[in-house]
Amino acid sequence: MKRGDLFQIVPVELASFIASVNGNDVSLNWMTASEINNRGFEVERQDLSTLSSVSNSKYEVIGFIEGQGTTTEVNRYSFTDKGLTPGTYQYRIKQIDFDGTFKFYNLAETIEIGVPDRFVLEQNYPNPFNPSTKIRYHIPSVISTEGKNLNVQLKVYDVLGNEVTTLVNEYHKVGSYEVIFDASNLPSGTYFYRLQAGETTDTKKLILIK
């Protein structure tokens, strides 16, 4: 068989497609045993966390990796999906030829990014602070209502109980969050920040020193 004949009959042959998780990042790695007319790979992600059924979900295009055209050599590819929120995800790659022909390859398993197991309002850092500080909090699935997003409010009060500012007032899905409190326009003193997620609340003290 001639080399030219081999190129005509060899498809893009995917030898492996695997994933690894590092914190909130997912690294995808795949290898081809051979390629023909391969323009590249579209990387797609499906978020399964808030779906009523997988069949109703849609894949989101998150990247593109160029292919090697036509070759009988082994080629390795990788893509890292960074900064994911806790939840369940599915990945696939869409191999696209130069003529527009394409084929999907699905990752065999779903990917789990860690979900908080309890409600936590962390102590702000730094504390004391000037003029800004970070506040982190974690919303677990156990306080969610039937899997729905929760209305979350994070407010700051002075020592007299007067509301100073609202840092967060929106619906959150399960996960970990961080917000910056900028107190540039406030005088030095003791303040309190209160987190409410559904029926669950917690309050902590912070100190502003200028």
N, C-alpha and C. Protein backbone atom coordinates (compact mmCIF):
# COMPACT_ATOMS: atom_id res chain seq x y z
N MET A 1 0.85 -1.20 0.00
CA MET A 1 0.00 0.00 0.00
C MET A 1 0.88 1.25 0.00
N LYS A 2 0.58 2.20 -0.85
CA LYS A 2 1.34 3.43 -0.92
C LYS A 2 0.99 4.34 0.26
N ARG A 3 1.96 5.23 0.59
CA ARG A 3 1.74 6.18 1.69
C ARG A 3 0.55 7.09 1.41
N GLY A 4 0.39 7.49 0.15
CA GLY A 4 -0.73 8.35 -0.22
C GLY A 4 -2.06 7.65 -0.01
N ASP A 5 -2.10 6.33 -0.30
CA ASP A 5 -3.33 5.57 -0.08
C ASP A 5 -3.67 5.49 1.40
N LEU A 6 -2.63 5.40 2.24
CA LEU A 6 -2.85 5.32 3.68
C LEU A 6 -3.50 6.59 4.19
N PHE A 7 -3.04 7.76 3.70
CA PHE A 7 -3.62 9.02 4.11
C PHE A 7 -5.09 9.12 3.73
N GLN A 8 -5.47 8.49 2.62
CA GLN A 8 -6.84 8.60 2.15
C GLN A 8 -7.81 7.79 3.00
N ILE A 9 -7.34 6.73 3.65
CA ILE A 9 -8.28 5.88 4.37
C ILE A 9 -8.19 6.01 5.90
N VAL A 10 -7.12 6.68 6.41
CA VAL A 10 -6.96 6.80 7.86
C VAL A 10 -7.79 7.96 8.38
N PRO A 11 -8.73 7.73 9.31
CA PRO A 11 -9.50 8.82 9.90
C PRO A 11 -8.72 9.45 11.03
N VAL A 12 -9.31 10.48 11.66
CA VAL A 12 -8.72 10.99 12.90
C VAL A 12 -9.07 9.99 13.98
N GLU A 13 -8.09 9.29 14.46
CA GLU A 13 -8.30 8.20 15.41
C GLU A 13 -7.88 8.64 16.81
N LEU A 14 -8.85 8.78 17.69
CA LEU A 14 -8.57 9.20 19.06
C LEU A 14 -8.15 7.98 19.88
N ALA A 15 -6.93 8.03 20.42
CA ALA A 15 -6.41 6.89 21.17
C ALA A 15 -6.78 6.96 22.65
N SER A 16 -6.92 8.18 23.19
CA SER A 16 -7.30 8.34 24.60
C SER A 16 -7.85 9.73 24.83
N PHE A 17 -8.68 9.85 25.88
CA PHE A 17 -9.26 11.14 26.28
C PHE A 17 -9.51 11.05 27.78
N ILE A 18 -8.70 11.76 28.58
CA ILE A 18 -8.80 11.67 30.04
C ILE A 18 -8.82 13.06 30.65
N ALA A 19 -9.18 13.12 31.94
CA ALA A 19 -9.24 14.39 32.66
C ALA A 19 -8.67 14.22 34.05
N SER A 20 -8.12 15.30 34.60
CA SER A 20 -7.65 15.32 35.98
C SER A 20 -8.08 16.63 36.62
N VAL A 21 -8.33 16.59 37.94
CA VAL A 21 -8.82 17.75 38.68
C VAL A 21 -7.76 18.23 39.65
N ASN A 22 -7.51 19.54 39.65
CA ASN A 22 -6.60 20.16 40.60
C ASN A 22 -7.30 21.38 41.18
N GLY A 23 -7.87 21.21 42.38
CA GLY A 23 -8.65 22.29 42.98
C GLY A 23 -9.88 22.57 42.15
N ASN A 24 -9.97 23.80 41.62
CA ASN A 24 -11.11 24.18 40.79
C ASN A 24 -10.77 24.21 39.30
N ASP A 25 -9.66 23.57 38.95
CA ASP A 25 -9.24 23.50 37.55
C ASP A 25 -9.36 22.06 37.04
N VAL A 26 -9.74 21.92 35.78
CA VAL A 26 -9.83 20.61 35.14
C VAL A 26 -8.89 20.59 33.94
N SER A 27 -7.98 19.63 33.92
CA SER A 27 -7.06 19.46 32.79
C SER A 27 -7.54 18.31 31.92
N LEU A 28 -7.73 18.60 30.64
CA LEU A 28 -8.15 17.60 29.67
C LEU A 28 -6.95 17.22 28.81
N ASN A 29 -6.76 15.94 28.61
CA ASN A 29 -5.65 15.45 27.79
C ASN A 29 -6.15 14.37 26.84
N TRP A 30 -5.81 14.50 25.57
CA TRP A 30 -6.19 13.48 24.61
C TRP A 30 -5.05 13.24 23.61
N MET A 31 -5.10 12.09 22.98
CA MET A 31 -4.04 11.67 22.09
C MET A 31 -4.65 11.05 20.83
N THR A 32 -4.08 11.40 19.69
CA THR A 32 -4.52 10.80 18.43
C THR A 32 -3.45 9.85 17.92
N ALA A 33 -3.89 8.73 17.38
CA ALA A 33 -2.96 7.77 16.78
C ALA A 33 -2.66 8.13 15.33
N SER A 34 -3.60 8.86 14.70
CA SER A 34 -3.43 9.31 13.32
C SER A 34 -4.44 10.40 13.05
N GLU A 35 -4.17 11.22 12.03
CA GLU A 35 -5.07 12.31 11.66
C GLU A 35 -5.08 12.48 10.15
N ILE A 36 -6.22 12.91 9.64
CA ILE A 36 -6.30 13.28 8.24
C ILE A 36 -7.24 14.48 8.10
N ASN A 37 -6.74 15.53 7.43
CA ASN A 37 -7.56 16.71 7.17
C ASN A 37 -8.08 17.34 8.47
N ASN A 38 -7.30 17.25 9.54
CA ASN A 38 -7.76 17.70 10.86
C ASN A 38 -7.43 19.17 11.11
N ARG A 39 -8.47 20.02 11.10
CA ARG A 39 -8.27 21.45 11.41
C ARG A 39 -8.02 21.65 12.89
N GLY A 40 -8.73 20.89 13.73
CA GLY A 40 -8.52 21.05 15.16
C GLY A 40 -9.67 20.53 15.99
N PHE A 41 -9.60 20.87 17.29
CA PHE A 41 -10.57 20.35 18.26
C PHE A 41 -11.24 21.51 19.01
N GLU A 42 -12.54 21.51 18.98
CA GLU A 42 -13.32 22.44 19.78
C GLU A 42 -13.57 21.78 21.13
N VAL A 43 -13.25 22.46 22.22
CA VAL A 43 -13.44 21.91 23.56
C VAL A 43 -14.76 22.45 24.11
N GLU A 44 -15.62 21.55 24.58
CA GLU A 44 -16.95 21.95 25.05
C GLU A 44 -17.22 21.41 26.45
N ARG A 45 -17.96 22.22 27.23
CA ARG A 45 -18.29 21.86 28.61
C ARG A 45 -19.79 21.95 28.83
N GLN A 46 -20.30 21.02 29.62
CA GLN A 46 -21.72 20.97 29.99
C GLN A 46 -21.81 21.04 31.51
N ASP A 47 -22.57 22.02 32.03
CA ASP A 47 -22.76 22.15 33.48
C ASP A 47 -24.01 21.39 33.87
N LEU A 48 -23.83 20.32 34.63
CA LEU A 48 -24.95 19.48 35.04
C LEU A 48 -25.53 19.86 36.40
N SER A 49 -24.95 20.85 37.06
CA SER A 49 -25.27 21.13 38.46
C SER A 49 -26.71 21.59 38.69
N THR A 50 -27.24 22.40 37.79
CA THR A 50 -28.55 23.00 38.03
C THR A 50 -29.59 22.56 37.00
N LEU A 51 -29.35 21.45 36.35
CA LEU A 51 -30.25 21.00 35.30
C LEU A 51 -31.29 20.03 35.83
N SER A 52 -32.50 20.14 35.32
CA SER A 52 -33.55 19.19 35.69
C SER A 52 -33.35 17.86 34.99
N SER A 53 -32.72 17.89 33.81
CA SER A 53 -32.40 16.66 33.10
C SER A 53 -31.26 16.93 32.14
N VAL A 54 -30.41 15.93 31.94
CA VAL A 54 -29.25 16.09 31.06
C VAL A 54 -29.68 16.38 29.63
N SER A 55 -30.82 15.83 29.22
CA SER A 55 -31.27 16.00 27.85
C SER A 55 -31.62 17.45 27.53
N ASN A 56 -31.92 18.25 28.58
CA ASN A 56 -32.28 19.64 28.35
C ASN A 56 -31.06 20.57 28.36
N SER A 57 -29.88 20.02 28.58
CA SER A 57 -28.69 20.85 28.75
C SER A 57 -28.05 21.18 27.41
N LYS A 58 -27.17 22.18 27.46
CA LYS A 58 -26.44 22.57 26.28
C LYS A 58 -24.95 22.62 26.60
N TYR A 59 -24.14 22.30 25.62
CA TYR A 59 -22.70 22.40 25.77
C TYR A 59 -22.25 23.83 25.43
N GLU A 60 -21.24 24.30 26.15
CA GLU A 60 -20.66 25.61 25.92
C GLU A 60 -19.25 25.43 25.36
N VAL A 61 -18.95 26.16 24.29
CA VAL A 61 -17.61 26.10 23.71
C VAL A 61 -16.67 26.91 24.58
N ILE A 62 -15.59 26.28 25.07
CA ILE A 62 -14.67 26.96 25.99
C ILE A 62 -13.25 27.07 25.44
N GLY A 63 -13.00 26.53 24.26
CA GLY A 63 -11.66 26.65 23.69
C GLY A 63 -11.52 25.92 22.37
N PHE A 64 -10.40 26.18 21.71
CA PHE A 64 -10.09 25.51 20.45
C PHE A 64 -8.60 25.20 20.40
N ILE A 65 -8.27 23.97 20.02
CA ILE A 65 -6.88 23.54 19.88
C ILE A 65 -6.64 23.12 18.44
N GLU A 66 -5.62 23.70 17.80
CA GLU A 66 -5.33 23.39 16.41
C GLU A 66 -4.83 21.95 16.24
N GLY A 67 -5.26 21.32 15.15
CA GLY A 67 -4.83 19.97 14.85
C GLY A 67 -3.56 19.95 14.01
N GLN A 68 -3.17 18.76 13.58
CA GLN A 68 -1.92 18.58 12.82
C GLN A 68 -2.17 18.31 11.34
N GLY A 69 -3.38 18.58 10.87
CA GLY A 69 -3.66 18.34 9.46
C GLY A 69 -3.73 16.86 9.16
N THR A 70 -2.80 16.38 8.37
CA THR A 70 -2.75 14.96 8.03
C THR A 70 -1.42 14.36 8.49
N THR A 71 -1.49 13.32 9.30
CA THR A 71 -0.29 12.69 9.83
C THR A 71 -0.61 11.29 10.35
N THR A 72 0.37 10.41 10.29
CA THR A 72 0.22 9.08 10.89
C THR A 72 0.99 8.98 12.20
N GLU A 73 1.53 10.10 12.67
CA GLU A 73 2.27 10.11 13.92
C GLU A 73 1.32 10.33 15.10
N VAL A 74 1.75 9.88 16.27
CA VAL A 74 0.99 10.10 17.50
C VAL A 74 1.13 11.57 17.92
N ASN A 75 0.01 12.21 18.26
CA ASN A 75 0.03 13.59 18.73
C ASN A 75 -0.76 13.71 20.03
N ARG A 76 -0.23 14.53 20.93
CA ARG A 76 -0.86 14.74 22.24
C ARG A 76 -1.35 16.17 22.36
N TYR A 77 -2.53 16.32 22.95
CA TYR A 77 -3.14 17.63 23.11
C TYR A 77 -3.60 17.81 24.56
N SER A 78 -3.69 19.08 24.98
CA SER A 78 -4.17 19.35 26.34
C SER A 78 -4.88 20.69 26.39
N PHE A 79 -5.79 20.81 27.34
CA PHE A 79 -6.54 22.05 27.57
C PHE A 79 -6.92 22.09 29.04
N THR A 80 -6.76 23.26 29.69
CA THR A 80 -7.12 23.40 31.10
C THR A 80 -8.27 24.37 31.25
N ASP A 81 -9.32 23.91 31.89
CA ASP A 81 -10.50 24.72 32.20
C ASP A 81 -10.33 25.22 33.63
N LYS A 82 -10.12 26.53 33.80
CA LYS A 82 -9.73 27.07 35.09
C LYS A 82 -10.87 27.78 35.82
N GLY A 83 -10.77 27.78 37.15
CA GLY A 83 -11.65 28.58 38.00
C GLY A 83 -13.10 28.15 38.01
N LEU A 84 -13.37 26.86 37.98
CA LEU A 84 -14.75 26.37 37.99
C LEU A 84 -15.37 26.51 39.37
N THR A 85 -16.65 26.80 39.41
CA THR A 85 -17.38 26.79 40.67
C THR A 85 -17.75 25.34 41.01
N PRO A 86 -17.97 25.04 42.29
CA PRO A 86 -18.34 23.66 42.66
C PRO A 86 -19.56 23.17 41.89
N GLY A 87 -19.52 21.93 41.47
CA GLY A 87 -20.63 21.36 40.73
C GLY A 87 -20.20 20.13 39.95
N THR A 88 -21.06 19.71 39.02
CA THR A 88 -20.81 18.53 38.21
C THR A 88 -20.75 18.93 36.74
N TYR A 89 -19.73 18.46 36.04
CA TYR A 89 -19.50 18.87 34.66
C TYR A 89 -19.24 17.67 33.75
N GLN A 90 -19.59 17.85 32.49
CA GLN A 90 -19.29 16.86 31.45
C GLN A 90 -18.53 17.58 30.35
N TYR A 91 -17.55 16.89 29.76
CA TYR A 91 -16.75 17.48 28.69
C TYR A 91 -16.81 16.63 27.43
N ARG A 92 -16.61 17.30 26.30
CA ARG A 92 -16.43 16.60 25.04
C ARG A 92 -15.57 17.45 24.12
N ILE A 93 -14.97 16.81 23.14
CA ILE A 93 -14.23 17.55 22.12
C ILE A 93 -14.88 17.29 20.77
N LYS A 94 -14.89 18.32 19.97
CA LYS A 94 -15.48 18.25 18.63
C LYS A 94 -14.33 18.35 17.63
N GLN A 95 -14.01 17.23 17.00
CA GLN A 95 -12.95 17.21 16.01
C GLN A 95 -13.51 17.72 14.69
N ILE A 96 -12.85 18.75 14.11
CA ILE A 96 -13.37 19.41 12.91
C ILE A 96 -12.35 19.29 11.78
N ASP A 97 -12.81 18.81 10.62
CA ASP A 97 -11.96 18.74 9.43
C ASP A 97 -11.92 20.10 8.73
N PHE A 98 -10.97 20.26 7.82
CA PHE A 98 -10.88 21.50 7.05
C PHE A 98 -12.10 21.72 6.16
N ASP A 99 -12.78 20.64 5.79
CA ASP A 99 -13.97 20.77 4.95
C ASP A 99 -15.25 20.96 5.76
N GLY A 100 -15.12 21.09 7.09
CA GLY A 100 -16.28 21.32 7.95
C GLY A 100 -16.88 20.07 8.56
N THR A 101 -16.46 18.91 8.10
CA THR A 101 -16.93 17.66 8.70
C THR A 101 -16.46 17.57 10.14
N PHE A 102 -17.31 17.05 11.02
CA PHE A 102 -16.91 16.98 12.43
C PHE A 102 -17.41 15.70 13.08
N LYS A 103 -16.80 15.39 14.23
CA LYS A 103 -17.19 14.24 15.02
C LYS A 103 -16.97 14.55 16.49
N PHE A 104 -17.90 14.11 17.36
CA PHE A 104 -17.79 14.35 18.79
C PHE A 104 -17.14 13.16 19.49
N TYR A 105 -16.33 13.49 20.51
CA TYR A 105 -15.75 12.49 21.41
C TYR A 105 -16.06 12.92 22.84
N ASN A 106 -16.79 12.08 23.57
CA ASN A 106 -17.20 12.42 24.93
C ASN A 106 -16.24 11.85 25.96
N LEU A 107 -15.98 12.64 27.00
CA LEU A 107 -15.24 12.13 28.14
C LEU A 107 -16.08 11.07 28.83
N ALA A 108 -15.47 9.95 29.19
CA ALA A 108 -16.24 8.81 29.70
C ALA A 108 -16.94 9.10 31.02
N GLU A 109 -16.31 9.91 31.88
CA GLU A 109 -16.89 10.16 33.20
C GLU A 109 -17.24 11.63 33.38
N THR A 110 -18.15 11.90 34.32
CA THR A 110 -18.44 13.27 34.70
C THR A 110 -17.39 13.74 35.71
N ILE A 111 -17.22 15.05 35.81
CA ILE A 111 -16.22 15.64 36.69
C ILE A 111 -16.91 16.36 37.84
N GLU A 112 -16.48 16.05 39.06
CA GLU A 112 -17.02 16.68 40.26
C GLU A 112 -16.02 17.69 40.82
N ILE A 113 -16.48 18.94 40.97
CA ILE A 113 -15.69 19.96 41.65
C ILE A 113 -16.27 20.12 43.05
N GLY A 114 -15.41 20.14 44.07
CA GLY A 114 -15.85 20.09 45.47
C GLY A 114 -16.97 21.03 45.84
N VAL A 115 -17.97 20.51 46.53
CA VAL A 115 -19.12 21.28 47.01
C VAL A 115 -19.01 21.43 48.52
N PRO A 116 -19.14 22.65 49.06
CA PRO A 116 -19.08 22.84 50.52
C PRO A 116 -20.10 21.97 51.24
N ASP A 117 -19.69 21.38 52.37
CA ASP A 117 -20.60 20.50 53.11
C ASP A 117 -21.27 21.20 54.29
N ARG A 118 -20.92 22.49 54.51
CA ARG A 118 -21.57 23.23 55.60
C ARG A 118 -21.52 24.72 55.32
N PHE A 119 -22.44 25.43 55.95
CA PHE A 119 -22.53 26.89 55.84
C PHE A 119 -21.41 27.51 56.66
N VAL A 120 -20.59 28.35 56.03
CA VAL A 120 -19.48 28.98 56.73
C VAL A 120 -19.34 30.43 56.30
N LEU A 121 -19.27 31.32 57.29
CA LEU A 121 -18.88 32.71 57.07
C LEU A 121 -17.50 32.86 57.70
N GLU A 122 -16.48 33.06 56.90
CA GLU A 122 -15.12 33.13 57.42
C GLU A 122 -14.83 34.51 58.02
N GLN A 123 -13.84 34.55 58.90
CA GLN A 123 -13.36 35.82 59.42
C GLN A 123 -12.68 36.59 58.30
N ASN A 124 -12.97 37.87 58.22
CA ASN A 124 -12.36 38.67 57.17
C ASN A 124 -10.84 38.70 57.30
N TYR A 125 -10.17 38.93 56.18
CA TYR A 125 -8.71 39.01 56.20
C TYR A 125 -8.24 40.10 55.24
N PRO A 126 -7.34 40.99 55.66
CA PRO A 126 -6.80 41.07 57.02
C PRO A 126 -7.80 41.69 57.99
N ASN A 127 -7.53 41.54 59.25
CA ASN A 127 -8.35 42.12 60.31
C ASN A 127 -7.49 42.30 61.57
N PRO A 128 -7.28 43.55 62.02
CA PRO A 128 -7.78 44.83 61.51
C PRO A 128 -7.30 45.10 60.07
N PHE A 129 -7.97 46.07 59.43
CA PHE A 129 -7.66 46.35 58.03
C PHE A 129 -7.73 47.83 57.73
N ASN A 130 -7.14 48.22 56.61
CA ASN A 130 -7.21 49.58 56.09
C ASN A 130 -6.68 49.59 54.66
N PRO A 131 -7.46 50.01 53.66
CA PRO A 131 -8.88 50.38 53.77
C PRO A 131 -9.82 49.26 53.33
N SER A 132 -9.25 48.13 52.84
CA SER A 132 -10.12 47.07 52.32
C SER A 132 -9.75 45.72 52.92
N THR A 133 -10.71 44.79 52.86
CA THR A 133 -10.51 43.45 53.40
C THR A 133 -11.34 42.45 52.61
N LYS A 134 -10.96 41.19 52.67
CA LYS A 134 -11.67 40.13 51.95
C LYS A 134 -12.57 39.35 52.90
N ILE A 135 -13.76 39.02 52.41
CA ILE A 135 -14.70 38.19 53.17
C ILE A 135 -15.07 36.99 52.30
N ARG A 136 -14.84 35.79 52.83
CA ARG A 136 -15.19 34.56 52.12
C ARG A 136 -16.33 33.85 52.83
N TYR A 137 -17.19 33.21 52.03
CA TYR A 137 -18.28 32.43 52.61
C TYR A 137 -18.60 31.24 51.71
N HIS A 138 -19.24 30.24 52.31
CA HIS A 138 -19.51 28.98 51.62
C HIS A 138 -20.97 28.60 51.77
N ILE A 139 -21.61 28.30 50.65
CA ILE A 139 -23.03 27.93 50.63
C ILE A 139 -23.15 26.45 50.26
N PRO A 140 -23.56 25.58 51.20
CA PRO A 140 -23.67 24.15 50.93
C PRO A 140 -25.02 23.78 50.33
N SER A 141 -25.10 22.58 49.79
CA SER A 141 -26.36 22.11 49.20
C SER A 141 -27.42 21.82 50.25
N VAL A 142 -26.99 21.55 51.50
CA VAL A 142 -27.95 21.14 52.53
C VAL A 142 -28.91 22.26 52.92
N ILE A 143 -28.54 23.52 52.67
CA ILE A 143 -29.45 24.61 53.02
C ILE A 143 -30.22 25.13 51.81
N SER A 144 -29.95 24.53 50.65
CA SER A 144 -30.68 24.90 49.46
C SER A 144 -32.07 24.29 49.50
N THR A 145 -33.01 24.95 48.85
CA THR A 145 -34.39 24.47 48.82
C THR A 145 -34.66 23.77 47.50
N GLU A 146 -34.77 22.44 47.56
CA GLU A 146 -35.08 21.64 46.38
C GLU A 146 -34.09 21.92 45.24
N GLY A 147 -32.82 22.17 45.62
CA GLY A 147 -31.80 22.36 44.61
C GLY A 147 -31.81 23.73 43.95
N LYS A 148 -32.68 24.63 44.41
CA LYS A 148 -32.79 25.95 43.80
C LYS A 148 -31.72 26.89 44.35
N ASN A 149 -31.40 27.93 43.58
CA ASN A 149 -30.47 28.94 44.05
C ASN A 149 -31.07 29.70 45.21
N LEU A 150 -30.20 30.13 46.13
CA LEU A 150 -30.65 30.84 47.33
C LEU A 150 -30.39 32.33 47.20
N ASN A 151 -31.31 33.12 47.78
CA ASN A 151 -31.06 34.55 47.88
C ASN A 151 -30.07 34.77 49.02
N VAL A 152 -28.93 35.37 48.69
CA VAL A 152 -27.86 35.59 49.66
C VAL A 152 -27.66 37.08 49.85
N GLN A 153 -27.60 37.49 51.12
CA GLN A 153 -27.35 38.89 51.46
C GLN A 153 -26.18 38.99 52.42
N LEU A 154 -25.26 39.88 52.12
CA LEU A 154 -24.12 40.15 52.99
C LEU A 154 -24.09 41.66 53.24
N LYS A 155 -24.33 42.05 54.50
CA LYS A 155 -24.43 43.46 54.85
C LYS A 155 -23.47 43.80 55.98
N VAL A 156 -23.08 45.08 56.02
CA VAL A 156 -22.18 45.57 57.05
C VAL A 156 -22.93 46.59 57.91
N TYR A 157 -22.73 46.50 59.24
CA TYR A 157 -23.40 47.39 60.19
C TYR A 157 -22.38 48.04 61.10
N ASP A 158 -22.74 49.23 61.63
CA ASP A 158 -21.88 49.85 62.64
C ASP A 158 -22.27 49.33 64.02
N VAL A 159 -21.61 49.83 65.07
CA VAL A 159 -21.84 49.30 66.43
C VAL A 159 -23.24 49.64 66.95
N LEU A 160 -23.92 50.60 66.31
CA LEU A 160 -25.28 50.96 66.73
C LEU A 160 -26.33 50.14 65.98
N GLY A 161 -25.89 49.29 65.08
CA GLY A 161 -26.83 48.47 64.33
C GLY A 161 -27.33 49.11 63.06
N ASN A 162 -26.76 50.25 62.69
CA ASN A 162 -27.15 50.91 61.45
C ASN A 162 -26.47 50.24 60.25
N GLU A 163 -27.24 50.01 59.21
CA GLU A 163 -26.67 49.39 58.01
C GLU A 163 -25.74 50.38 57.31
N VAL A 164 -24.52 49.94 57.06
CA VAL A 164 -23.51 50.78 56.42
C VAL A 164 -23.49 50.56 54.91
N THR A 165 -23.53 49.29 54.51
CA THR A 165 -23.51 48.97 53.09
C THR A 165 -23.99 47.54 52.86
N THR A 166 -24.45 47.28 51.65
CA THR A 166 -24.81 45.93 51.23
C THR A 166 -23.76 45.45 50.23
N LEU A 167 -23.04 44.41 50.59
CA LEU A 167 -21.99 43.88 49.73
C LEU A 167 -22.53 42.88 48.72
N VAL A 168 -23.53 42.10 49.13
CA VAL A 168 -24.11 41.08 48.26
C VAL A 168 -25.62 41.05 48.47
N ASN A 169 -26.35 41.01 47.38
CA ASN A 169 -27.80 40.80 47.44
C ASN A 169 -28.22 40.18 46.10
N GLU A 170 -28.04 38.87 46.01
CA GLU A 170 -28.31 38.18 44.75
C GLU A 170 -28.50 36.69 45.00
N TYR A 171 -28.92 35.98 43.96
CA TYR A 171 -29.13 34.54 44.08
C TYR A 171 -27.83 33.80 43.79
N HIS A 172 -27.50 32.87 44.67
CA HIS A 172 -26.28 32.07 44.54
C HIS A 172 -26.64 30.60 44.40
N LYS A 173 -25.87 29.89 43.59
CA LYS A 173 -25.94 28.44 43.64
C LYS A 173 -24.91 27.94 44.65
N VAL A 174 -24.93 26.67 44.92
CA VAL A 174 -24.01 26.07 45.87
C VAL A 174 -22.57 26.39 45.46
N GLY A 175 -21.73 26.78 46.44
CA GLY A 175 -20.34 27.08 46.12
C GLY A 175 -19.67 27.95 47.15
N SER A 176 -18.44 28.36 46.85
CA SER A 176 -17.63 29.22 47.71
C SER A 176 -17.45 30.56 47.02
N TYR A 177 -17.52 31.63 47.81
CA TYR A 177 -17.50 32.98 47.25
C TYR A 177 -16.58 33.88 48.05
N GLU A 178 -16.13 34.95 47.41
CA GLU A 178 -15.28 35.94 48.05
C GLU A 178 -15.69 37.33 47.60
N VAL A 179 -15.73 38.28 48.53
CA VAL A 179 -16.10 39.65 48.21
C VAL A 179 -15.12 40.59 48.90
N ILE A 180 -14.87 41.74 48.28
CA ILE A 180 -13.98 42.76 48.85
C ILE A 180 -14.82 43.86 49.48
N PHE A 181 -14.53 44.17 50.74
CA PHE A 181 -15.18 45.27 51.43
C PHE A 181 -14.21 46.45 51.46
N ASP A 182 -14.56 47.52 50.73
CA ASP A 182 -13.74 48.73 50.68
C ASP A 182 -14.34 49.77 51.61
N ALA A 183 -13.60 50.09 52.68
CA ALA A 183 -14.10 51.02 53.70
C ALA A 183 -13.40 52.37 53.62
N SER A 184 -12.99 52.76 52.44
CA SER A 184 -12.25 54.02 52.27
C SER A 184 -13.02 55.22 52.78
N ASN A 185 -14.35 55.18 52.65
CA ASN A 185 -15.18 56.33 53.03
C ASN A 185 -15.74 56.24 54.44
N LEU A 186 -15.29 55.26 55.21
CA LEU A 186 -15.80 55.08 56.57
C LEU A 186 -14.74 55.45 57.61
N PRO A 187 -15.18 55.91 58.78
CA PRO A 187 -14.23 56.23 59.85
C PRO A 187 -13.73 54.97 60.54
N SER A 188 -12.62 55.08 61.23
CA SER A 188 -12.10 53.95 62.00
C SER A 188 -13.13 53.50 63.02
N GLY A 189 -13.10 52.21 63.33
CA GLY A 189 -14.03 51.70 64.33
C GLY A 189 -14.32 50.23 64.15
N THR A 190 -15.24 49.76 64.96
CA THR A 190 -15.67 48.36 64.92
C THR A 190 -16.95 48.24 64.11
N TYR A 191 -16.98 47.26 63.23
CA TYR A 191 -18.15 47.02 62.40
C TYR A 191 -18.49 45.53 62.45
N PHE A 192 -19.69 45.22 62.00
CA PHE A 192 -20.15 43.83 61.96
C PHE A 192 -20.64 43.50 60.56
N TYR A 193 -20.33 42.31 60.09
CA TYR A 193 -20.87 41.88 58.79
C TYR A 193 -21.73 40.64 59.00
N ARG A 194 -22.88 40.66 58.36
CA ARG A 194 -23.88 39.62 58.57
C ARG A 194 -24.24 38.96 57.24
N LEU A 195 -24.16 37.63 57.22
CA LEU A 195 -24.50 36.86 56.03
C LEU A 195 -25.81 36.12 56.25
N GLN A 196 -26.72 36.26 55.31
CA GLN A 196 -27.98 35.51 55.36
C GLN A 196 -28.15 34.77 54.04
N ALA A 197 -28.34 33.45 54.15
CA ALA A 197 -28.58 32.60 52.99
C ALA A 197 -29.82 31.78 53.28
N GLY A 198 -30.93 32.16 52.68
CA GLY A 198 -32.19 31.51 53.02
C GLY A 198 -32.55 31.84 54.45
N GLU A 199 -32.74 30.81 55.28
CA GLU A 199 -33.07 31.01 56.69
C GLU A 199 -31.84 30.94 57.60
N THR A 200 -30.67 30.76 57.02
CA THR A 200 -29.44 30.60 57.79
C THR A 200 -28.67 31.91 57.84
N THR A 201 -28.18 32.29 59.03
CA THR A 201 -27.45 33.54 59.19
C THR A 201 -26.21 33.34 60.06
N ASP A 202 -25.26 34.26 59.92
CA ASP A 202 -24.09 34.31 60.79
C ASP A 202 -23.54 35.73 60.75
N THR A 203 -22.93 36.14 61.86
CA THR A 203 -22.40 37.50 61.99
C THR A 203 -21.00 37.45 62.57
N LYS A 204 -20.12 38.30 62.05
CA LYS A 204 -18.76 38.41 62.58
C LYS A 204 -18.35 39.88 62.68
N LYS A 205 -17.32 40.11 63.49
CA LYS A 205 -16.84 41.47 63.75
C LYS A 205 -15.59 41.76 62.94
N LEU A 206 -15.49 43.00 62.46
CA LEU A 206 -14.27 43.44 61.80
C LEU A 206 -13.89 44.82 62.32
N ILE A 207 -12.60 45.13 62.24
CA ILE A 207 -12.08 46.38 62.82
C ILE A 207 -11.33 47.16 61.76
N LEU A 208 -11.75 48.41 61.57
CA LEU A 208 -11.12 49.32 60.62
C LEU A 208 -10.23 50.30 61.39
N ILE A 209 -8.94 50.32 61.05
CA ILE A 209 -8.00 51.23 61.70
C ILE A 209 -7.31 52.07 60.63
N LYS A 210 -7.50 53.39 60.73
CA LYS A 210 -6.88 54.30 59.77
C LYS A 210 -5.80 55.15 60.45
